[in-house]
């Protein structure tokens, strides 16, 4: 099991696929030869498939870059709302 960070939004096309929002934490269980990961959305407990290239291991440079950008965006939104 790996904790993963969604690098991109993903909207499912099939019933067995999981939606993801950019920056969302996912749990990865396995990856198949076609590049699809089997995993879980820890916030809902749902399991399914999502593209392996849409996620990066938590703590990796790619994942941290996405999380930093989202944190900056959130900070700007909070500042606008607090003015």
Protein backbone atom coordinates (compact mmCIF):
# COMPACT_ATOMS: atom_id res chain seq x y z
CA UNK A 1 0.00 0.00 0.00
CA UNK A 2 1.26 3.46 -0.94
CA UNK A 3 -0.11 6.87 -0.03
CA UNK A 4 -0.38 8.79 -3.28
CA UNK A 5 -1.19 12.36 -4.27
CA UNK A 6 -3.35 13.08 -7.32
CA UNK A 7 -1.37 15.25 -9.74
CA UNK A 8 -4.42 15.88 -11.94
CA UNK A 9 -8.17 15.73 -11.74
CA UNK A 10 -9.64 12.49 -13.09
CA UNK A 11 -13.26 11.94 -14.06
CA UNK A 12 -14.20 8.27 -14.39
CA UNK A 13 -15.38 6.92 -17.71
CA UNK A 14 -16.22 3.45 -16.40
CA UNK A 15 -18.11 2.17 -13.37
CA UNK A 16 -15.01 0.66 -11.72
CA UNK A 17 -12.93 3.86 -11.90
CA UNK A 18 -12.42 6.32 -9.04
CA UNK A 19 -12.72 10.09 -9.42
CA UNK A 20 -9.85 12.22 -8.14
CA UNK A 21 -9.35 15.90 -7.44
CA UNK A 22 -5.90 17.45 -7.85
CA UNK A 23 -4.04 17.15 -4.53
CA UNK A 24 -6.31 14.42 -3.18
CA UNK A 25 -4.72 11.61 -1.17
CA UNK A 26 -5.32 8.12 -2.55
CA UNK A 27 -4.16 4.71 -1.37
CA UNK A 28 -2.50 2.63 -4.10
CA UNK A 29 -2.65 -1.16 -3.93
CA UNK A 30 -1.32 -2.42 -7.26
CA UNK A 31 -0.61 -1.38 -10.83
CA UNK A 32 -1.35 -3.39 -13.96
CA UNK A 33 0.59 -3.72 -17.20
CA UNK A 34 -1.67 -1.16 -18.91
CA UNK A 35 -0.80 1.59 -16.43
CA UNK A 36 -3.92 1.50 -14.25
CA UNK A 37 -3.65 1.48 -10.50
CA UNK A 38 -6.04 -0.32 -8.17
CA UNK A 39 -6.59 1.71 -5.07
CA UNK A 40 -8.84 3.34 -2.54
CA UNK A 41 -10.18 6.79 -1.78
CA UNK A 42 -9.53 6.98 1.99
CA UNK A 43 -12.13 9.73 2.43
CA UNK A 44 -14.97 7.52 1.14
CA UNK A 45 -13.58 4.00 1.43
CA UNK A 46 -14.44 3.37 -2.23
CA UNK A 47 -12.09 1.15 -4.22
CA UNK A 48 -11.48 1.12 -7.95
CA UNK A 49 -9.04 2.02 -10.71
CA UNK A 50 -7.33 5.24 -11.79
CA UNK A 51 -4.47 6.10 -14.17
CA UNK A 52 -1.08 5.52 -12.54
CA UNK A 53 0.41 8.55 -14.33
CA UNK A 54 -2.14 10.79 -12.58
CA UNK A 55 -0.62 10.13 -9.13
CA UNK A 56 2.76 10.35 -7.41
CA UNK A 57 3.99 8.85 -4.16
CA UNK A 58 3.37 11.12 -1.18
CA UNK A 59 6.59 12.93 -0.29
CA UNK A 60 7.95 12.81 -3.85
CA UNK A 61 9.04 16.01 -5.58
CA UNK A 62 6.04 15.92 -7.97
CA UNK A 63 3.54 15.39 -5.16
CA UNK A 64 5.03 18.12 -2.97
CA UNK A 65 5.00 20.60 -5.87
CA UNK A 66 1.25 20.02 -6.41
CA UNK A 67 0.53 20.35 -2.70
CA UNK A 68 2.55 23.59 -2.42
CA UNK A 69 0.66 25.13 -5.36
CA UNK A 70 -2.68 24.17 -3.82
CA UNK A 71 -1.62 25.60 -0.43
CA UNK A 72 -0.67 28.93 -2.08
CA UNK A 73 -3.98 29.03 -3.92
CA UNK A 74 -5.89 28.35 -0.70
CA UNK A 75 -3.91 31.04 1.10
CA UNK A 76 -4.82 33.61 -1.59
CA UNK A 77 -8.49 32.64 -1.38
CA UNK A 78 -8.47 33.00 2.42
CA UNK A 79 -6.80 36.43 2.19
CA UNK A 80 -9.44 37.65 -0.29
CA UNK A 81 -12.23 36.37 1.94
CA UNK A 82 -10.72 37.95 5.06
CA UNK A 83 -10.39 41.45 3.58
